[in-house]
C-alpha atoms as a PDB file:
ATOM      1  CA  UNK A   1     136.270  79.722 117.646  1.00  0.00           C
ATOM      2  CA  UNK A   2     137.852  82.294 120.134  1.00  0.00           C
ATOM      3  CA  UNK A   3     135.846  84.580 122.682  1.00  0.00           C
ATOM      4  CA  UNK A   4     135.570  87.829 122.938  1.00  0.00           C
ATOM      5  CA  UNK A   5     136.029  89.118 126.443  1.00  0.00           C
ATOM      6  CA  UNK A   6     132.442  91.166 127.366  1.00  0.00           C
ATOM      7  CA  UNK A   7     132.489  93.872 129.973  1.00  0.00           C
ATOM      8  CA  UNK A   8     129.014  93.671 131.425  1.00  0.00           C
ATOM      9  CA  UNK A   9     129.775  96.557 133.906  1.00  0.00           C
ATOM     10  CA  UNK A  10     129.394  99.218 131.053  1.00  0.00           C
ATOM     11  CA  UNK A  11     126.007  99.904 128.832  1.00  0.00           C
ATOM     12  CA  UNK A  12     126.751 100.587 125.157  1.00  0.00           C
ATOM     13  CA  UNK A  13     124.974 104.123 124.746  1.00  0.00           C
ATOM     14  CA  UNK A  14     122.943 102.873 121.801  1.00  0.00           C
ATOM     15  CA  UNK A  15     121.527  99.703 123.836  1.00  0.00           C
ATOM     16  CA  UNK A  16     117.828  99.951 123.530  1.00  0.00           C
ATOM     17  CA  UNK A  17     115.178  96.797 123.399  1.00  0.00           C
ATOM     18  CA  UNK A  18     114.289  95.866 120.156  1.00  0.00           C
ATOM     19  CA  UNK A  19     112.515  93.463 117.780  1.00  0.00           C
ATOM     20  CA  UNK A  20     114.461  90.906 115.905  1.00  0.00           C
ATOM     21  CA  UNK A  21     111.755  90.740 113.775  1.00  0.00           C
ATOM     22  CA  UNK A  22     111.359  94.074 112.585  1.00  0.00           C
ATOM     23  CA  UNK A  23     115.415  94.587 112.240  1.00  0.00           C
ATOM     24  CA  UNK A  24     115.064  91.301 109.644  1.00  0.00           C
ATOM     25  CA  UNK A  25     112.884  93.119 107.599  1.00  0.00           C
ATOM     26  CA  UNK A  26     114.671  96.321 107.416  1.00  0.00           C
ATOM     27  CA  UNK A  27     117.852  94.172 106.598  1.00  0.00           C
ATOM     28  CA  UNK A  28     116.126  92.491 104.102  1.00  0.00           C
ATOM     29  CA  UNK A  29     114.698  95.582 102.433  1.00  0.00           C
ATOM     30  CA  UNK A  30     118.237  97.419 102.369  1.00  0.00           C
ATOM     31  CA  UNK A  31     119.878  94.249 100.540  1.00  0.00           C
ATOM     32  CA  UNK A  32     116.989  93.935  97.892  1.00  0.00           C
ATOM     33  CA  UNK A  33     118.786  96.581  96.011  1.00  0.00           C
ATOM     34  CA  UNK A  34     122.393  95.002  96.112  1.00  0.00           C
ATOM     35  CA  UNK A  35     120.377  91.696  94.866  1.00  0.00           C
ATOM     36  CA  UNK A  36     119.030  93.295  91.937  1.00  0.00           C
ATOM     37  CA  UNK A  37     122.282  94.673  91.137  1.00  0.00           C
ATOM     38  CA  UNK A  38     123.833  91.334  91.549  1.00  0.00           C
ATOM     39  CA  UNK A  39     121.528  90.068  89.342  1.00  0.00           C
ATOM     40  CA  UNK A  40     122.148  92.419  86.477  1.00  0.00           C
ATOM     41  CA  UNK A  41     126.022  92.088  87.273  1.00  0.00           C
ATOM     42  CA  UNK A  42     126.297  88.332  87.497  1.00  0.00           C
ATOM     43  CA  UNK A  43     122.866  87.031  86.822  1.00  0.00           C
ATOM     44  CA  UNK A  44     122.473  85.686  90.028  1.00  0.00           C
ATOM     45  CA  UNK A  45     118.622  85.725  90.634  1.00  0.00           C
ATOM     46  CA  UNK A  46     117.832  85.697  94.726  1.00  0.00           C
ATOM     47  CA  UNK A  47     114.154  85.609  96.351  1.00  0.00           C
ATOM     48  CA  UNK A  48     113.723  86.113  99.783  1.00  0.00           C
ATOM     49  CA  UNK A  49     111.643  84.029 102.226  1.00  0.00           C
ATOM     50  CA  UNK A  50     110.862  85.016 105.552  1.00  0.00           C
ATOM     51  CA  UNK A  51     109.168  82.659 108.204  1.00  0.00           C
ATOM     52  CA  UNK A  52     109.260  85.307 111.175  1.00  0.00           C
ATOM     53  CA  UNK A  53     107.477  83.639 114.951  1.00  0.00           C
ATOM     54  CA  UNK A  54     104.935  85.400 116.185  1.00  0.00           C
ATOM     55  CA  UNK A  55     105.899  85.487 120.223  1.00  0.00           C
ATOM     56  CA  UNK A  56     109.558  85.880 119.329  1.00  0.00           C
ATOM     57  CA  UNK A  57     111.577  87.990 122.661  1.00  0.00           C
ATOM     58  CA  UNK A  58     112.597  91.226 122.384  1.00  0.00           C
ATOM     59  CA  UNK A  59     116.402  91.935 122.564  1.00  0.00           C
ATOM     60  CA  UNK A  60     118.735  94.516 124.270  1.00  0.00           C
ATOM     61  CA  UNK A  61     120.948  95.589 121.418  1.00  0.00           C
ATOM     62  CA  UNK A  62     122.305  98.612 119.738  1.00  0.00           C
ATOM     63  CA  UNK A  63     119.876  98.789 116.617  1.00  0.00           C
ATOM     64  CA  UNK A  64     122.190  99.905 114.309  1.00  0.00           C
ATOM     65  CA  UNK A  65     124.687  97.107 114.857  1.00  0.00           C
ATOM     66  CA  UNK A  66     122.096  94.393 115.115  1.00  0.00           C
ATOM     67  CA  UNK A  67     121.177  95.281 111.694  1.00  0.00           C
ATOM     68  CA  UNK A  68     124.294  95.161 110.532  1.00  0.00           C
ATOM     69  CA  UNK A  69     124.878  91.698 111.080  1.00  0.00           C
ATOM     70  CA  UNK A  70     121.858  90.626 108.997  1.00  0.00           C
ATOM     71  CA  UNK A  71     122.711  93.220 106.181  1.00  0.00           C
ATOM     72  CA  UNK A  72     126.075  91.213 106.093  1.00  0.00           C
ATOM     73  CA  UNK A  73     125.094  87.730 106.003  1.00  0.00           C
ATOM     74  CA  UNK A  74     122.440  88.550 103.423  1.00  0.00           C
ATOM     75  CA  UNK A  75     124.925  90.153 101.043  1.00  0.00           C
ATOM     76  CA  UNK A  76     127.211  87.197 102.024  1.00  0.00           C
ATOM     77  CA  UNK A  77     124.459  85.048 100.550  1.00  0.00           C
ATOM     78  CA  UNK A  78     123.596  87.370  97.872  1.00  0.00           C
ATOM     79  CA  UNK A  79     127.421  86.891  96.846  1.00  0.00           C
ATOM     80  CA  UNK A  80     127.735  83.273  97.224  1.00  0.00           C
ATOM     81  CA  UNK A  81     124.634  82.270  94.651  1.00  0.00           C
ATOM     82  CA  UNK A  82     125.460  81.687  91.355  1.00  0.00           C
ATOM     83  CA  UNK A  83     121.846  81.066  89.227  1.00  0.00           C
ATOM     84  CA  UNK A  84     118.938  81.444  91.124  1.00  0.00           C
ATOM     85  CA  UNK A  85     118.392  80.919  94.738  1.00  0.00           C
ATOM     86  CA  UNK A  86     116.354  81.620  97.485  1.00  0.00           C
ATOM     87  CA  UNK A  87     117.383  82.889 101.169  1.00  0.00           C
ATOM     88  CA  UNK A  88     115.358  82.136 103.815  1.00  0.00           C
ATOM     89  CA  UNK A  89     115.441  83.861 106.997  1.00  0.00           C
ATOM     90  CA  UNK A  90     113.675  82.605 110.253  1.00  0.00           C
ATOM     91  CA  UNK A  91     113.230  83.488 113.835  1.00  0.00           C
ATOM     92  CA  UNK A  92     111.886  81.642 116.640  1.00  0.00           C
ATOM     93  CA  UNK A  93     112.236  81.842 120.720  1.00  0.00           C
ATOM     94  CA  UNK A  94     114.486  79.170 122.611  1.00  0.00           C
ATOM     95  CA  UNK A  95     115.538  78.636 125.666  1.00  0.00           C
ATOM     96  CA  UNK A  96     115.193  82.710 126.708  1.00  0.00           C
ATOM     97  CA  UNK A  97     117.064  83.404 123.642  1.00  0.00           C
ATOM     98  CA  UNK A  98     115.562  85.322 120.220  1.00  0.00           C
ATOM     99  CA  UNK A  99     116.692  82.988 117.166  1.00  0.00           C
ATOM    100  CA  UNK A 100     117.504  83.839 113.809  1.00  0.00           C
ATOM    101  CA  UNK A 101     118.498  82.175 110.964  1.00  0.00           C
ATOM    102  CA  UNK A 102     119.853  82.872 107.239  1.00  0.00           C
ATOM    103  CA  UNK A 103     119.670  79.915 105.059  1.00  0.00           C
ATOM    104  CA  UNK A 104     120.714  79.820 101.406  1.00  0.00           C
ATOM    105  CA  UNK A 105     121.475  77.134  99.097  1.00  0.00           C
ATOM    106  CA  UNK A 106     125.186  77.835  97.544  1.00  0.00           C
ATOM    107  CA  UNK A 107     128.458  75.688  96.878  1.00  0.00           C
ATOM    108  CA  UNK A 108     129.528  73.618 100.383  1.00  0.00           C
ATOM    109  CA  UNK A 109     131.827  75.669 102.126  1.00  0.00           C
ATOM    110  CA  UNK A 110     134.984  73.431 103.038  1.00  0.00           C
ATOM    111  CA  UNK A 111     135.190  72.366 106.312  1.00  0.00           C
ATOM    112  CA  UNK A 112     138.540  74.774 106.619  1.00  0.00           C
ATOM    113  CA  UNK A 113     136.851  77.765 105.917  1.00  0.00           C
ATOM    114  CA  UNK A 114     133.646  77.215 107.834  1.00  0.00           C
ATOM    115  CA  UNK A 115     136.956  76.512 110.910  1.00  0.00           C
ATOM    116  CA  UNK A 116     138.409  79.803 110.185  1.00  0.00           C
ATOM    117  CA  UNK A 117     135.500  81.982 109.371  1.00  0.00           C
ATOM    118  CA  UNK A 118     134.991  83.935 112.525  1.00  0.00           C
ATOM    119  CA  UNK A 119     138.551  84.669 112.611  1.00  0.00           C
ATOM    120  CA  UNK A 120     140.380  87.817 111.101  1.00  0.00           C
ATOM    121  CA  UNK A 121     142.347  88.280 109.023  1.00  0.00           C
ATOM    122  CA  UNK A 122     141.166  85.130 107.787  1.00  0.00           C
ATOM    123  CA  UNK A 123     141.387  85.406 103.749  1.00  0.00           C
ATOM    124  CA  UNK A 124     141.253  82.812 100.950  1.00  0.00           C
ATOM    125  CA  UNK A 125     141.454  83.973  97.517  1.00  0.00           C
ATOM    126  CA  UNK A 126     139.205  86.857  96.822  1.00  0.00           C
ATOM    127  CA  UNK A 127     136.826  86.334  99.861  1.00  0.00           C
ATOM    128  CA  UNK A 128     138.381  89.348 101.537  1.00  0.00           C
ATOM    129  CA  UNK A 129     135.077  91.520 102.242  1.00  0.00           C
ATOM    130  CA  UNK A 130     132.803  88.649 102.566  1.00  0.00           C
ATOM    131  CA  UNK A 131     135.541  87.220 105.464  1.00  0.00           C
ATOM    132  CA  UNK A 132     135.578  90.768 107.129  1.00  0.00           C
ATOM    133  CA  UNK A 133     132.031  90.973 107.016  1.00  0.00           C
ATOM    134  CA  UNK A 134     131.302  87.651 108.674  1.00  0.00           C
ATOM    135  CA  UNK A 135     134.139  88.358 111.290  1.00  0.00           C
ATOM    136  CA  UNK A 136     132.149  91.687 112.075  1.00  0.00           C
ATOM    137  CA  UNK A 137     129.044  90.135 112.450  1.00  0.00           C
ATOM    138  CA  UNK A 138     130.864  87.462 115.112  1.00  0.00           C
ATOM    139  CA  UNK A 139     132.408  90.520 116.899  1.00  0.00           C
ATOM    140  CA  UNK A 140     128.987  91.964 116.897  1.00  0.00           C
ATOM    141  CA  UNK A 141     127.118  88.947 118.109  1.00  0.00           C
ATOM    142  CA  UNK A 142     129.620  88.338 120.849  1.00  0.00           C
ATOM    143  CA  UNK A 143     129.716  91.780 122.057  1.00  0.00           C
ATOM    144  CA  UNK A 144     125.996  91.780 122.160  1.00  0.00           C
ATOM    145  CA  UNK A 145     125.941  88.010 124.765  1.00  0.00           C
ATOM    146  CA  UNK A 146     125.200  86.149 122.022  1.00  0.00           C
ATOM    147  CA  UNK A 147     126.515  83.471 119.823  1.00  0.00           C
ATOM    148  CA  UNK A 148     126.915  82.817 115.800  1.00  0.00           C
ATOM    149  CA  UNK A 149     127.226  79.120 114.284  1.00  0.00           C
ATOM    150  CA  UNK A 150     127.716  78.244 110.606  1.00  0.00           C
ATOM    151  CA  UNK A 151     126.799  74.702 109.170  1.00  0.00           C
ATOM    152  CA  UNK A 152     127.669  74.064 105.411  1.00  0.00           C
ATOM    153  CA  UNK A 153     126.562  70.868 103.721  1.00  0.00           C
ATOM    154  CA  UNK A 154     126.665  69.499 100.303  1.00  0.00           C
ATOM    155  CA  UNK A 155     123.511  69.787  98.368  1.00  0.00           C
ATOM    156  CA  UNK A 156     122.117  71.601 101.426  1.00  0.00           C
ATOM    157  CA  UNK A 157     123.886  75.043 101.344  1.00  0.00           C
ATOM    158  CA  UNK A 158     124.925  77.162 104.386  1.00  0.00           C
ATOM    159  CA  UNK A 159     122.971  78.076 107.097  1.00  0.00           C
ATOM    160  CA  UNK A 160     124.071  80.755 109.721  1.00  0.00           C
ATOM    161  CA  UNK A 161     122.383  80.907 113.382  1.00  0.00           C
ATOM    162  CA  UNK A 162     122.284  84.013 115.736  1.00  0.00           C
ATOM    163  CA  UNK A 163     121.126  83.443 119.035  1.00  0.00           C
ATOM    164  CA  UNK A 164     120.824  86.558 121.132  1.00  0.00           C
ATOM    165  CA  UNK A 165     119.746  86.814 124.740  1.00  0.00           C
ATOM    166  CA  UNK A 166     116.291  87.760 125.377  1.00  0.00           C
ATOM    167  CA  UNK A 167     115.796  91.426 126.865  1.00  0.00           C
END
């Protein structure tokens, strides 16, 4: 994974103190129509489940960019699901960070795909849009001083974990 240089001397004009839980809820609401269209087109039936922490730290972020991270992760999850599955989004506080996890059951990603996922332009087959979405998530998270990780295992699915510094 490559590091993105961050210039802390400049403040992004859109940076505000935001509640991560609110952005997660907005992203789910935004992607519900996408999930419905996926059901109509491919027969994929998606259910959303949330486990949002009550005591979650606020983060300093560009609200639109941060919401976009979760929209992209949710859209990738929807696109990866065949049949019926649940997408679970959890949040919690850990070591002065706000943490969000997007977990879903799909076919396991190979170690090769996981290792290359945050790099652009990584393209394997017809997955160009999905790869661009994940690379965009990585860029945005890193610009906000955070980190994003992926874990994928056979019969367990895929989990993206986003960690952002508390405000």
